[in-house]
Each structure stands twice: as structure tokens, then as C-alpha cells.
Amino acid sequence: MRSPRIILRFTLLFCVVHITRAAEPKKLSSRVVTTKYGSLRGFVTTLPNRQWKPVEIYLGVPYASPPVGSLRFMPPVTPAHWRGVKTVDKFSAVCPQNLPDISNETEALKRMPVGRYEYLRKLIPLLQNQSEDCLYLYFNQL
């Protein structure tokens, strides 16, 4: 059985992706957020339900140095400081994942329930950009 935390992470990622894709086009935020590593600018979007307030979204905020080269298989190391304002308005790569083959629907449905197949059919296109450099945060502010 899969860990509930993994399922929760996929569900949250799926929700964030669909909210940002269903929302209006991106408008860079006028607010600059200062962290101890540098300044960030996200984007503001209005969600489909006009009664909700606009949401400020920050995508791909580094929380550690890329785990490549000598840092591979080591504990995370704090990210390098950056100068200027880093625009964080795009998803970064996802961590490498062993995804099931669902190219043949008939064969896939022999190995999994219909609901899981449908979920993976929507999710897998969002997981194509994979890299070991995947230590990034996504957050939003209402």
C-alpha cells in the first residue's frame, strides 16, 4: 500500500496545477518577498469563482542547492544567495518517478482500478519534466 503522504502530495500538486491552469493569465505581483537567500516575485491570478479573492502564487522557490555532482546522495545544502529579484512563476522539474505504463488502456486496467487509471492519465503529462534538481517549494498567499 502506498503511503498516504505520497498520495496527499500528488493530490496537492494536481490541485495547484489545475487551479493555476484554470485561472486567468498570469500577472506578475507588485509585491517582492524577501527571504534570507534573496528576493522573490510571484504572480497574481484570479480563480474561476469570481467571489474568491485573487491569489498570489510562488512556483519553484529553491529551498536547497541542486543535489547534483558532489551533492548527490547527500543531505540537502542551503541554496546559494541570489542578487536581484527572482521571478518564480513557473513549475520546476519534478523529482524522478517510476511511472506506470498506461499507454495501453486495456492492459493498464488489468493492473489498476479505473479511477486510478483516469487519475494517472491526467497526472502523467504533468510529470514529464523530471530531474534530480527538484528541491523547490510552491506556495500561495490569499
N, C-alpha and C. Protein backbone atom coordinates (compact mmCIF):
# COMPACT_ATOMS: atom_id res chain seq x y z
N MET A 1 0.84 -1.19 0.00
CA MET A 1 0.00 0.00 0.00
C MET A 1 0.88 1.25 0.00
N ARG A 2 0.50 2.22 -0.79
CA ARG A 2 1.25 3.46 -0.90
C ARG A 2 1.06 4.31 0.35
N SER A 3 2.07 5.08 0.65
CA SER A 3 2.00 5.96 1.81
C SER A 3 0.95 7.04 1.59
N PRO A 4 0.13 7.35 2.62
CA PRO A 4 -0.84 8.43 2.48
C PRO A 4 -0.18 9.77 2.18
N ARG A 5 1.06 9.97 2.63
CA ARG A 5 1.76 11.23 2.36
C ARG A 5 2.04 11.40 0.87
N ILE A 6 2.41 10.31 0.20
CA ILE A 6 2.67 10.37 -1.24
C ILE A 6 1.39 10.71 -1.98
N ILE A 7 0.31 10.07 -1.60
CA ILE A 7 -0.99 10.34 -2.24
C ILE A 7 -1.39 11.79 -2.00
N LEU A 8 -1.18 12.29 -0.78
CA LEU A 8 -1.51 13.68 -0.47
C LEU A 8 -0.67 14.63 -1.32
N ARG A 9 0.63 14.34 -1.47
CA ARG A 9 1.49 15.21 -2.28
C ARG A 9 1.02 15.27 -3.73
N PHE A 10 0.71 14.11 -4.31
CA PHE A 10 0.22 14.10 -5.69
C PHE A 10 -1.09 14.86 -5.80
N THR A 11 -1.97 14.68 -4.84
CA THR A 11 -3.26 15.36 -4.87
C THR A 11 -3.08 16.86 -4.79
N LEU A 12 -2.21 17.33 -3.89
CA LEU A 12 -1.96 18.76 -3.77
C LEU A 12 -1.34 19.32 -5.04
N LEU A 13 -0.36 18.61 -5.60
CA LEU A 13 0.26 19.06 -6.84
C LEU A 13 -0.78 19.15 -7.95
N PHE A 14 -1.61 18.13 -8.05
CA PHE A 14 -2.66 18.09 -9.07
C PHE A 14 -3.60 19.29 -8.91
N CYS A 15 -4.00 19.59 -7.68
CA CYS A 15 -4.92 20.71 -7.42
C CYS A 15 -4.28 22.04 -7.78
N VAL A 16 -3.02 22.25 -7.38
CA VAL A 16 -2.33 23.50 -7.68
C VAL A 16 -2.20 23.69 -9.18
N VAL A 17 -1.83 22.62 -9.88
CA VAL A 17 -1.68 22.71 -11.34
C VAL A 17 -3.00 23.09 -11.98
N HIS A 18 -4.08 22.44 -11.59
CA HIS A 18 -5.37 22.73 -12.21
C HIS A 18 -5.89 24.11 -11.83
N ILE A 19 -5.64 24.56 -10.63
CA ILE A 19 -6.07 25.90 -10.25
C ILE A 19 -5.31 26.93 -11.07
N THR A 20 -3.99 26.76 -11.20
CA THR A 20 -3.22 27.75 -11.95
C THR A 20 -3.51 27.68 -13.44
N ARG A 21 -3.84 26.51 -13.96
CA ARG A 21 -4.18 26.41 -15.38
C ARG A 21 -5.59 26.92 -15.67
N ALA A 22 -6.51 26.76 -14.72
CA ALA A 22 -7.89 27.21 -14.92
C ALA A 22 -8.02 28.70 -14.68
N ALA A 23 -7.05 29.28 -14.05
CA ALA A 23 -7.13 30.69 -13.71
C ALA A 23 -6.83 31.56 -14.93
N GLU A 24 -7.05 32.85 -14.75
CA GLU A 24 -6.76 33.80 -15.82
C GLU A 24 -5.26 33.85 -16.06
N PRO A 25 -4.84 34.50 -17.15
CA PRO A 25 -3.41 34.60 -17.43
C PRO A 25 -2.64 35.25 -16.27
N LYS A 26 -1.36 34.93 -16.18
CA LYS A 26 -0.53 35.42 -15.08
C LYS A 26 -0.29 36.92 -15.17
N LYS A 27 -0.29 37.54 -14.01
CA LYS A 27 0.08 38.95 -13.88
C LYS A 27 1.09 39.00 -12.76
N LEU A 28 2.32 39.44 -13.04
CA LEU A 28 3.35 39.46 -12.01
C LEU A 28 2.89 40.29 -10.82
N SER A 29 3.22 39.82 -9.66
CA SER A 29 2.86 40.51 -8.42
C SER A 29 3.67 41.79 -8.27
N SER A 30 3.06 42.80 -7.68
CA SER A 30 3.79 44.03 -7.40
C SER A 30 4.60 43.87 -6.11
N ARG A 31 4.24 42.86 -5.32
CA ARG A 31 4.93 42.63 -4.04
C ARG A 31 6.21 41.82 -4.28
N VAL A 32 7.27 42.24 -3.60
CA VAL A 32 8.53 41.49 -3.61
C VAL A 32 8.71 40.92 -2.20
N VAL A 33 8.87 39.61 -2.12
CA VAL A 33 9.05 38.93 -0.84
C VAL A 33 10.54 38.72 -0.64
N THR A 34 11.04 39.11 0.53
CA THR A 34 12.46 38.96 0.81
C THR A 34 12.68 37.75 1.71
N THR A 35 13.56 36.86 1.27
CA THR A 35 13.95 35.70 2.07
C THR A 35 15.41 35.88 2.47
N LYS A 36 15.93 34.98 3.28
CA LYS A 36 17.34 35.13 3.66
C LYS A 36 18.29 34.76 2.52
N TYR A 37 17.76 34.22 1.42
CA TYR A 37 18.59 33.87 0.27
C TYR A 37 18.46 34.85 -0.88
N GLY A 38 17.43 35.68 -0.86
CA GLY A 38 17.22 36.65 -1.92
C GLY A 38 15.75 37.04 -2.01
N SER A 39 15.44 37.89 -2.97
CA SER A 39 14.08 38.40 -3.14
C SER A 39 13.33 37.62 -4.21
N LEU A 40 12.00 37.50 -4.01
CA LEU A 40 11.14 36.73 -4.91
C LEU A 40 9.96 37.56 -5.38
N ARG A 41 9.55 37.31 -6.61
CA ARG A 41 8.32 37.90 -7.13
C ARG A 41 7.50 36.76 -7.75
N GLY A 42 6.29 36.60 -7.26
CA GLY A 42 5.40 35.59 -7.80
C GLY A 42 4.44 36.22 -8.80
N PHE A 43 3.28 35.63 -8.95
CA PHE A 43 2.27 36.22 -9.82
C PHE A 43 0.93 36.17 -9.11
N VAL A 44 0.03 37.02 -9.58
CA VAL A 44 -1.31 37.10 -9.01
C VAL A 44 -2.28 36.57 -10.04
N THR A 45 -3.22 35.78 -9.59
CA THR A 45 -4.22 35.25 -10.50
C THR A 45 -5.58 35.27 -9.83
N THR A 46 -6.60 35.35 -10.64
CA THR A 46 -7.97 35.29 -10.16
C THR A 46 -8.51 33.92 -10.50
N LEU A 47 -9.05 33.26 -9.51
CA LEU A 47 -9.59 31.91 -9.72
C LEU A 47 -10.94 31.98 -10.42
N PRO A 48 -11.38 30.87 -11.01
CA PRO A 48 -12.63 30.88 -11.78
C PRO A 48 -13.85 31.40 -11.02
N ASN A 49 -13.95 31.13 -9.73
CA ASN A 49 -15.06 31.63 -8.94
C ASN A 49 -14.77 33.08 -8.59
N ARG A 50 -15.46 34.01 -9.19
CA ARG A 50 -15.19 35.44 -9.03
C ARG A 50 -15.39 35.93 -7.59
N GLN A 51 -16.04 35.14 -6.76
CA GLN A 51 -16.25 35.55 -5.37
C GLN A 51 -14.98 35.38 -4.54
N TRP A 52 -14.04 34.58 -5.02
CA TRP A 52 -12.79 34.37 -4.29
C TRP A 52 -11.84 35.53 -4.56
N LYS A 53 -11.05 35.86 -3.59
CA LYS A 53 -10.06 36.92 -3.74
C LYS A 53 -8.94 36.44 -4.66
N PRO A 54 -8.23 37.38 -5.31
CA PRO A 54 -7.06 36.98 -6.11
C PRO A 54 -6.04 36.28 -5.21
N VAL A 55 -5.28 35.39 -5.82
CA VAL A 55 -4.28 34.60 -5.10
C VAL A 55 -2.90 34.94 -5.65
N GLU A 56 -1.96 35.13 -4.74
CA GLU A 56 -0.57 35.36 -5.13
C GLU A 56 0.13 34.01 -5.07
N ILE A 57 0.74 33.59 -6.17
CA ILE A 57 1.32 32.25 -6.27
C ILE A 57 2.82 32.35 -6.54
N TYR A 58 3.57 31.51 -5.84
CA TYR A 58 5.02 31.44 -6.00
C TYR A 58 5.36 30.00 -6.38
N LEU A 59 5.92 29.81 -7.56
CA LEU A 59 6.24 28.47 -8.07
C LEU A 59 7.74 28.32 -8.23
N GLY A 60 8.29 27.22 -7.78
CA GLY A 60 9.70 26.93 -8.00
C GLY A 60 10.64 27.74 -7.12
N VAL A 61 10.33 27.88 -5.84
CA VAL A 61 11.20 28.60 -4.91
C VAL A 61 12.24 27.60 -4.37
N PRO A 62 13.53 27.82 -4.63
CA PRO A 62 14.53 26.85 -4.19
C PRO A 62 14.66 26.84 -2.66
N TYR A 63 14.66 25.64 -2.08
CA TYR A 63 14.90 25.53 -0.64
C TYR A 63 16.21 24.81 -0.35
N ALA A 64 16.91 24.37 -1.38
CA ALA A 64 18.20 23.72 -1.22
C ALA A 64 18.96 23.82 -2.54
N SER A 65 20.27 23.61 -2.46
CA SER A 65 21.07 23.59 -3.69
C SER A 65 20.72 22.33 -4.48
N PRO A 66 20.84 22.39 -5.80
CA PRO A 66 20.53 21.20 -6.60
C PRO A 66 21.39 20.01 -6.15
N PRO A 67 20.79 18.85 -5.93
CA PRO A 67 21.53 17.67 -5.46
C PRO A 67 22.22 16.93 -6.61
N VAL A 68 23.14 17.61 -7.25
CA VAL A 68 23.86 17.02 -8.38
C VAL A 68 25.36 17.05 -8.08
N GLY A 69 26.11 16.31 -8.87
CA GLY A 69 27.56 16.27 -8.68
C GLY A 69 27.92 15.74 -7.30
N SER A 70 28.77 16.48 -6.58
CA SER A 70 29.22 16.03 -5.26
C SER A 70 28.10 16.07 -4.21
N LEU A 71 27.01 16.75 -4.50
CA LEU A 71 25.88 16.82 -3.55
C LEU A 71 24.89 15.68 -3.73
N ARG A 72 25.10 14.87 -4.76
CA ARG A 72 24.17 13.76 -4.99
C ARG A 72 24.27 12.76 -3.84
N PHE A 73 23.14 12.28 -3.38
CA PHE A 73 23.03 11.33 -2.27
C PHE A 73 23.49 11.91 -0.93
N MET A 74 23.58 13.23 -0.85
CA MET A 74 23.96 13.89 0.40
C MET A 74 22.73 14.61 0.95
N PRO A 75 22.75 14.94 2.24
CA PRO A 75 21.64 15.73 2.79
C PRO A 75 21.55 17.08 2.07
N PRO A 76 20.37 17.67 2.00
CA PRO A 76 20.23 18.96 1.32
C PRO A 76 21.15 20.03 1.92
N VAL A 77 21.66 20.89 1.03
CA VAL A 77 22.52 22.01 1.41
C VAL A 77 21.76 23.29 1.08
N THR A 78 21.88 24.29 1.93
CA THR A 78 21.14 25.54 1.70
C THR A 78 21.44 26.08 0.31
N PRO A 79 20.46 26.74 -0.30
CA PRO A 79 20.68 27.27 -1.65
C PRO A 79 21.64 28.46 -1.63
N ALA A 80 22.23 28.72 -2.78
CA ALA A 80 23.10 29.88 -2.92
C ALA A 80 22.24 31.14 -2.87
N HIS A 81 22.81 32.22 -2.35
CA HIS A 81 22.10 33.50 -2.35
C HIS A 81 22.05 34.02 -3.78
N TRP A 82 21.04 34.77 -4.10
CA TRP A 82 20.96 35.36 -5.43
C TRP A 82 20.78 36.86 -5.30
N ARG A 83 21.21 37.56 -6.33
CA ARG A 83 21.08 39.02 -6.38
C ARG A 83 19.84 39.36 -7.19
N GLY A 84 19.31 40.51 -6.92
CA GLY A 84 18.14 40.96 -7.66
C GLY A 84 16.90 40.20 -7.23
N VAL A 85 15.85 40.35 -8.02
CA VAL A 85 14.57 39.72 -7.71
C VAL A 85 14.39 38.51 -8.62
N LYS A 86 14.19 37.34 -8.02
CA LYS A 86 13.97 36.11 -8.78
C LYS A 86 12.47 35.98 -9.04
N THR A 87 12.09 35.90 -10.31
CA THR A 87 10.69 35.68 -10.67
C THR A 87 10.41 34.19 -10.59
N VAL A 88 9.44 33.83 -9.75
CA VAL A 88 9.11 32.42 -9.54
C VAL A 88 7.67 32.18 -10.01
N ASP A 89 7.52 32.06 -11.33
CA ASP A 89 6.18 31.93 -11.91
C ASP A 89 6.02 30.68 -12.77
N LYS A 90 6.97 29.74 -12.66
CA LYS A 90 6.90 28.51 -13.46
C LYS A 90 7.19 27.31 -12.56
N PHE A 91 6.55 26.19 -12.87
CA PHE A 91 6.83 24.96 -12.15
C PHE A 91 8.24 24.50 -12.50
N SER A 92 8.94 24.00 -11.52
CA SER A 92 10.25 23.40 -11.77
C SER A 92 10.05 21.92 -12.09
N ALA A 93 11.14 21.25 -12.37
CA ALA A 93 11.06 19.81 -12.66
C ALA A 93 10.59 19.05 -11.42
N VAL A 94 9.91 17.95 -11.64
CA VAL A 94 9.52 17.07 -10.54
C VAL A 94 10.65 16.07 -10.31
N CYS A 95 10.72 15.53 -9.11
CA CYS A 95 11.72 14.52 -8.80
C CYS A 95 11.48 13.27 -9.66
N PRO A 96 12.54 12.55 -10.02
CA PRO A 96 12.37 11.35 -10.83
C PRO A 96 11.39 10.36 -10.20
N GLN A 97 10.53 9.81 -11.05
CA GLN A 97 9.50 8.91 -10.57
C GLN A 97 9.36 7.74 -11.53
N ASN A 98 9.09 6.59 -10.98
CA ASN A 98 8.85 5.40 -11.77
C ASN A 98 7.35 5.34 -12.04
N LEU A 99 6.95 5.83 -13.19
CA LEU A 99 5.53 5.92 -13.53
C LEU A 99 5.06 4.64 -14.22
N PRO A 100 3.86 4.21 -13.92
CA PRO A 100 3.35 3.00 -14.58
C PRO A 100 3.06 3.27 -16.05
N ASP A 101 3.19 2.24 -16.86
CA ASP A 101 2.88 2.35 -18.29
C ASP A 101 1.37 2.27 -18.47
N ILE A 102 0.78 3.35 -18.95
CA ILE A 102 -0.67 3.36 -19.18
C ILE A 102 -0.98 3.59 -20.66
N SER A 103 0.02 3.37 -21.52
CA SER A 103 -0.18 3.61 -22.95
C SER A 103 -1.22 2.67 -23.56
N ASN A 104 -1.35 1.47 -23.02
CA ASN A 104 -2.35 0.52 -23.48
C ASN A 104 -3.43 0.44 -22.40
N GLU A 105 -4.56 1.09 -22.65
CA GLU A 105 -5.62 1.18 -21.64
C GLU A 105 -6.09 -0.19 -21.18
N THR A 106 -6.29 -1.12 -22.11
CA THR A 106 -6.78 -2.45 -21.75
C THR A 106 -5.82 -3.15 -20.79
N GLU A 107 -4.53 -3.11 -21.09
CA GLU A 107 -3.53 -3.74 -20.22
C GLU A 107 -3.43 -3.01 -18.88
N ALA A 108 -3.47 -1.69 -18.92
CA ALA A 108 -3.37 -0.91 -17.68
C ALA A 108 -4.53 -1.21 -16.75
N LEU A 109 -5.73 -1.38 -17.30
CA LEU A 109 -6.91 -1.64 -16.47
C LEU A 109 -6.90 -3.05 -15.86
N LYS A 110 -6.03 -3.91 -16.36
CA LYS A 110 -5.86 -5.23 -15.73
C LYS A 110 -5.04 -5.10 -14.44
N ARG A 111 -4.25 -4.02 -14.34
CA ARG A 111 -3.36 -3.83 -13.21
C ARG A 111 -3.85 -2.79 -12.20
N MET A 112 -4.88 -2.04 -12.54
CA MET A 112 -5.33 -0.97 -11.64
C MET A 112 -6.80 -0.67 -11.84
N PRO A 113 -7.44 -0.09 -10.83
CA PRO A 113 -8.85 0.30 -10.96
C PRO A 113 -9.01 1.45 -11.96
N VAL A 114 -10.21 1.60 -12.49
CA VAL A 114 -10.50 2.65 -13.47
C VAL A 114 -10.18 4.03 -12.90
N GLY A 115 -10.55 4.27 -11.65
CA GLY A 115 -10.30 5.58 -11.03
C GLY A 115 -8.83 5.94 -11.01
N ARG A 116 -7.98 4.99 -10.68
CA ARG A 116 -6.53 5.24 -10.66
C ARG A 116 -6.03 5.48 -12.07
N TYR A 117 -6.51 4.70 -13.03
CA TYR A 117 -6.10 4.89 -14.42
C TYR A 117 -6.45 6.31 -14.89
N GLU A 118 -7.67 6.75 -14.62
CA GLU A 118 -8.11 8.09 -15.04
C GLU A 118 -7.27 9.17 -14.36
N TYR A 119 -6.98 8.98 -13.08
CA TYR A 119 -6.16 9.93 -12.33
C TYR A 119 -4.76 10.01 -12.95
N LEU A 120 -4.15 8.86 -13.23
CA LEU A 120 -2.81 8.84 -13.82
C LEU A 120 -2.81 9.43 -15.23
N ARG A 121 -3.87 9.19 -15.99
CA ARG A 121 -3.96 9.74 -17.34
C ARG A 121 -3.89 11.26 -17.32
N LYS A 122 -4.47 11.87 -16.29
CA LYS A 122 -4.43 13.34 -16.16
C LYS A 122 -3.11 13.80 -15.55
N LEU A 123 -2.55 13.01 -14.65
CA LEU A 123 -1.37 13.43 -13.91
C LEU A 123 -0.06 13.23 -14.68
N ILE A 124 0.09 12.13 -15.40
CA ILE A 124 1.36 11.81 -16.04
C ILE A 124 1.87 12.90 -16.98
N PRO A 125 1.03 13.56 -17.78
CA PRO A 125 1.57 14.63 -18.62
C PRO A 125 2.25 15.75 -17.82
N LEU A 126 1.82 15.95 -16.58
CA LEU A 126 2.40 16.99 -15.74
C LEU A 126 3.72 16.55 -15.11
N LEU A 127 4.05 15.28 -15.22
CA LEU A 127 5.25 14.73 -14.59
C LEU A 127 6.33 14.38 -15.61
N GLN A 128 6.23 14.89 -16.82
CA GLN A 128 7.20 14.55 -17.86
C GLN A 128 8.55 15.23 -17.65
N ASN A 129 8.55 16.43 -17.07
CA ASN A 129 9.80 17.16 -16.83
C ASN A 129 10.37 16.71 -15.49
N GLN A 130 11.23 15.68 -15.52
CA GLN A 130 11.80 15.12 -14.29
C GLN A 130 13.29 15.42 -14.22
N SER A 131 13.76 15.68 -12.99
CA SER A 131 15.18 15.96 -12.78
C SER A 131 15.52 15.72 -11.32
N GLU A 132 16.78 15.38 -11.06
CA GLU A 132 17.22 15.28 -9.68
C GLU A 132 17.29 16.66 -9.04
N ASP A 133 17.34 17.70 -9.85
CA ASP A 133 17.28 19.08 -9.35
C ASP A 133 15.81 19.42 -9.16
N CYS A 134 15.24 18.98 -8.03
CA CYS A 134 13.79 19.12 -7.82
C CYS A 134 13.45 19.62 -6.42
N LEU A 135 14.39 20.29 -5.77
CA LEU A 135 14.16 20.74 -4.39
C LEU A 135 13.61 22.16 -4.38
N TYR A 136 12.34 22.28 -4.72
CA TYR A 136 11.68 23.57 -4.83
C TYR A 136 10.35 23.55 -4.09
N LEU A 137 9.93 24.70 -3.62
CA LEU A 137 8.65 24.85 -2.94
C LEU A 137 7.67 25.59 -3.82
N TYR A 138 6.40 25.33 -3.59
CA TYR A 138 5.31 26.08 -4.23
C TYR A 138 4.42 26.55 -3.11
N PHE A 139 4.11 27.83 -3.09
CA PHE A 139 3.19 28.30 -2.06
C PHE A 139 2.36 29.45 -2.61
N ASN A 140 1.30 29.75 -1.89
CA ASN A 140 0.44 30.85 -2.32
C ASN A 140 0.01 31.65 -1.11
N GLN A 141 -0.49 32.84 -1.39
CA GLN A 141 -0.94 33.74 -0.35
C GLN A 141 -2.24 34.38 -0.81
N LEU A 142 -3.23 34.33 0.04
CA LEU A 142 -4.52 34.94 -0.30
C LEU A 142 -4.52 36.40 0.05
